[in-house]
Protein backbone atom coordinates (compact mmCIF):
# COMPACT_ATOMS: atom_id res chain seq x y z
CA MET A 1 11.28 -51.29 22.93
CA SER A 2 8.63 -53.14 24.89
CA ILE A 3 4.95 -52.26 24.70
CA THR A 4 4.99 -51.31 28.39
CA LYS A 5 7.62 -48.64 27.64
CA TRP A 6 5.43 -47.18 24.87
CA VAL A 7 2.49 -47.05 27.30
CA LYS A 8 4.67 -45.18 29.78
CA ILE A 9 5.92 -42.73 27.13
CA THR A 10 2.34 -42.15 25.95
CA GLY A 11 1.40 -41.39 29.55
CA TYR A 12 4.14 -38.76 29.74
CA GLY A 13 2.80 -37.19 26.56
CA GLN A 14 -0.73 -37.11 27.94
CA HIS A 15 0.42 -35.61 31.24
CA LEU A 16 2.37 -32.99 29.29
CA ALA A 17 -0.76 -32.21 27.23
CA ILE A 18 -2.81 -31.76 30.41
CA GLY A 19 -0.21 -29.37 31.83
CA LEU A 20 0.05 -27.42 28.57
CA LEU A 21 -3.74 -27.22 28.33
CA LEU A 22 -3.90 -25.71 31.82
CA ILE A 23 -1.23 -23.16 30.86
CA GLN A 24 -3.12 -22.50 27.62
CA PHE A 25 -6.29 -21.80 29.61
CA VAL A 26 -4.60 -19.25 31.87
CA VAL A 27 -2.80 -17.51 29.01
CA GLY A 28 -5.99 -17.52 26.90
CA MET A 29 -8.00 -15.95 29.71
CA TYR A 30 -5.32 -13.29 30.16
CA VAL A 31 -5.41 -12.49 26.43
CA ASN A 32 -9.20 -12.38 26.51
CA LEU A 33 -9.32 -10.01 29.48
CA TYR A 34 -6.27 -7.80 28.97
CA GLY A 35 -5.09 -8.33 25.37
CA GLY A 36 -1.49 -7.78 24.41
CA SER A 37 0.41 -9.10 21.43
CA GLY A 38 3.10 -10.72 23.60
CA MET A 39 0.59 -12.87 25.43
CA THR A 40 -1.25 -13.60 22.18
CA ASN A 41 2.02 -14.90 20.74
CA ALA A 42 2.59 -17.00 23.87
CA HIS A 43 -0.94 -18.38 23.48
CA MET A 44 -0.20 -19.38 19.89
CA MET A 45 3.17 -20.90 20.84
CA VAL A 46 1.62 -23.06 23.56
CA GLY A 47 -0.97 -24.12 20.98
CA GLY A 48 1.81 -25.17 18.62
CA LEU A 49 3.49 -27.17 21.38
CA LEU A 50 0.15 -28.83 22.13
CA LEU A 51 -0.21 -29.88 18.49
CA LEU A 52 3.31 -31.34 18.44
CA ASP A 53 2.71 -33.19 21.70
CA GLY A 54 -0.66 -34.41 20.45
CA LEU A 55 0.86 -35.80 17.27
CA ALA A 56 3.70 -37.48 19.16
CA SER A 57 1.22 -38.95 21.64
CA VAL A 58 -0.79 -40.51 18.80
CA VAL A 59 2.36 -42.13 17.40
CA PHE A 60 3.41 -43.46 20.82
CA ALA A 61 -0.12 -44.71 21.51
CA ILE A 62 -0.15 -46.62 18.22
CA LEU A 63 3.20 -48.18 19.13
CA SER A 64 1.80 -49.14 22.54
CA LYS A 65 -0.90 -51.23 20.83
CA ARG A 66 -3.43 -50.19 23.48
CA THR A 67 -6.75 -49.32 21.84
CA PRO A 68 -7.99 -47.00 24.63
CA LEU A 69 -4.78 -44.98 24.38
CA VAL A 70 -5.01 -44.77 20.61
CA ILE A 71 -8.63 -43.61 20.81
CA THR A 72 -8.05 -41.00 23.51
CA THR A 73 -4.95 -39.55 21.86
CA ILE A 74 -6.65 -39.34 18.46
CA ILE A 75 -9.68 -37.62 20.00
CA GLY A 76 -7.37 -35.28 21.90
CA LEU A 77 -5.44 -34.38 18.75
CA LEU A 78 -8.61 -33.87 16.69
CA MET A 79 -10.03 -31.56 19.33
CA LEU A 80 -6.73 -29.64 19.47
CA LEU A 81 -6.86 -29.22 15.69
CA PHE A 82 -10.47 -28.06 15.97
CA SER A 83 -9.45 -25.51 18.63
CA PHE A 84 -6.52 -24.36 16.53
CA TYR A 85 -8.82 -23.81 13.54
CA ALA A 86 -11.41 -22.01 15.66
CA GLY A 87 -8.73 -19.81 17.21
CA SER A 88 -7.38 -18.88 13.78
CA GLU A 89 -10.89 -17.99 12.61
CA PHE A 90 -11.54 -16.00 15.78
CA VAL A 91 -8.39 -13.92 15.28
CA GLN A 92 -9.30 -13.25 11.64
CA ASN A 93 -13.05 -12.62 12.02
CA GLY A 94 -13.55 -11.73 15.68
CA LYS A 95 -16.81 -13.69 15.75
CA ASN A 96 -17.62 -14.99 19.22
CA VAL A 97 -18.86 -18.33 17.89
CA PHE A 98 -15.24 -19.23 17.10
CA SER A 99 -14.17 -18.38 20.64
CA PHE A 100 -16.92 -20.70 21.88
CA ASP A 101 -15.79 -23.43 19.45
CA MET A 102 -12.23 -23.01 20.70
CA SER A 103 -13.35 -23.52 24.29
CA ILE A 104 -15.39 -26.62 23.38
CA GLY A 105 -12.36 -28.13 21.63
CA TYR A 106 -10.24 -27.28 24.66
CA ALA A 107 -12.64 -28.98 27.08
CA LEU A 108 -12.99 -32.11 24.95
CA SER A 109 -9.23 -32.44 24.39
CA LEU A 110 -8.61 -32.02 28.12
CA ALA A 111 -11.20 -34.71 28.87
CA ALA A 112 -9.64 -37.08 26.30
CA TYR A 113 -6.15 -36.64 27.75
CA ILE A 114 -7.39 -37.07 31.32
CA PHE A 115 -9.17 -40.33 30.40
CA GLY A 116 -6.02 -41.50 28.59
CA ALA A 117 -3.84 -40.67 31.58
CA LEU A 118 -6.21 -42.58 33.86
CA PHE A 119 -5.95 -45.59 31.57
CA VAL A 120 -2.14 -45.39 31.63
CA ASN A 121 -2.17 -45.32 35.43
CA ARG A 122 -4.41 -48.41 35.51
CA ALA A 123 -2.29 -50.23 32.90
CA ARG A 124 0.88 -50.01 35.00
């Protein structure tokens, strides 16, 4: 497969991550305001999908051989992992600092994927 195809596939992964992050935000706010185990489970499932997409995006970015894509997808995945950890700690401990950490990881992963998507659009 050509490098251009890998760039395009990486772009799809980054656009998917942006969409999932927006869904994650809405579901997370709902859980925060109204609670409910069903929505909490949905929040965790979207988080799992984000981690899978983040990992796949890193692999595709490496195959694309485009350094900016590799950097943005790795940062995005690391911030998703940080958010996942903070969310797990928040559920176990209920300490607000972990909720704050989760939101910081969310914002930084969203920024990384947006910058990566902008690079993909310029690379076409």
